[in-house]
Protein backbone atom coordinates (compact mmCIF):
# COMPACT_ATOMS: atom_id res chain seq x y z
CA MET A 1 13.12 -0.40 26.88
CA TRP A 2 11.24 -1.83 24.04
CA SER A 3 10.29 2.08 23.40
CA ASN A 4 13.96 2.70 22.84
CA ARG A 5 14.67 0.17 20.68
CA PHE A 6 12.05 0.89 18.14
CA LEU A 7 13.00 4.68 18.18
CA PHE A 8 16.89 3.69 17.26
CA PHE A 9 15.76 1.60 14.98
CA VAL A 10 13.48 4.29 13.14
CA THR A 11 16.36 6.54 13.16
CA GLY A 12 18.53 4.05 11.84
CA VAL A 13 16.03 3.68 8.66
CA ILE A 14 15.66 7.34 8.53
CA ALA A 15 19.36 8.15 8.30
CA GLY A 16 19.60 5.10 5.89
CA SER A 17 17.21 6.62 3.46
CA ILE A 18 18.53 9.62 3.12
CA LEU A 19 22.32 8.77 3.01
CA TYR A 20 22.02 5.63 0.73
CA PRO A 21 21.01 8.11 -2.36
CA ILE A 22 23.74 10.42 -1.39
CA HIS A 23 26.52 7.89 -1.12
CA TYR A 24 25.40 5.21 -3.72
CA GLY A 25 23.55 6.91 -5.89
CA GLN A 26 20.45 5.35 -5.74
CA PRO A 27 17.09 6.75 -6.88
CA PHE A 28 14.73 7.68 -4.11
CA THR A 29 11.77 5.47 -5.07
CA MET A 30 8.05 4.86 -3.48
CA LYS A 31 9.54 2.27 -1.58
CA VAL A 32 11.74 4.74 0.14
CA LEU A 33 8.77 7.03 0.92
CA VAL A 34 6.70 4.02 2.34
CA GLN A 35 9.58 3.23 4.68
CA LEU A 36 9.59 7.05 5.82
CA MET A 37 6.01 7.02 6.26
CA LEU A 38 5.98 3.72 8.43
CA ALA A 39 8.99 5.19 10.08
CA LEU A 40 7.34 8.43 10.90
CA SER A 41 4.19 6.39 12.51
CA ILE A 42 6.19 4.31 14.59
CA ILE A 43 7.84 7.17 16.13
CA VAL A 44 4.24 9.24 16.41
CA VAL A 45 2.63 6.02 18.00
CA SER A 46 5.52 5.32 20.23
CA VAL A 47 5.54 9.36 21.46
CA TRP A 48 2.15 8.95 22.12
CA TRP A 49 1.89 5.74 23.59
CA LYS A 50 4.35 6.81 26.65
């Protein structure tokens, strides 16, 4: 159950990091890159843990 919550959270972070610059004109910064790397690491750990 918790792994599904993490995957939905990570999916939201990835979608947000892609859609916010498109819709709101925000620049793609190092902070966004770090968030994406952390989100992808959560996905890798969740898949590997199962």
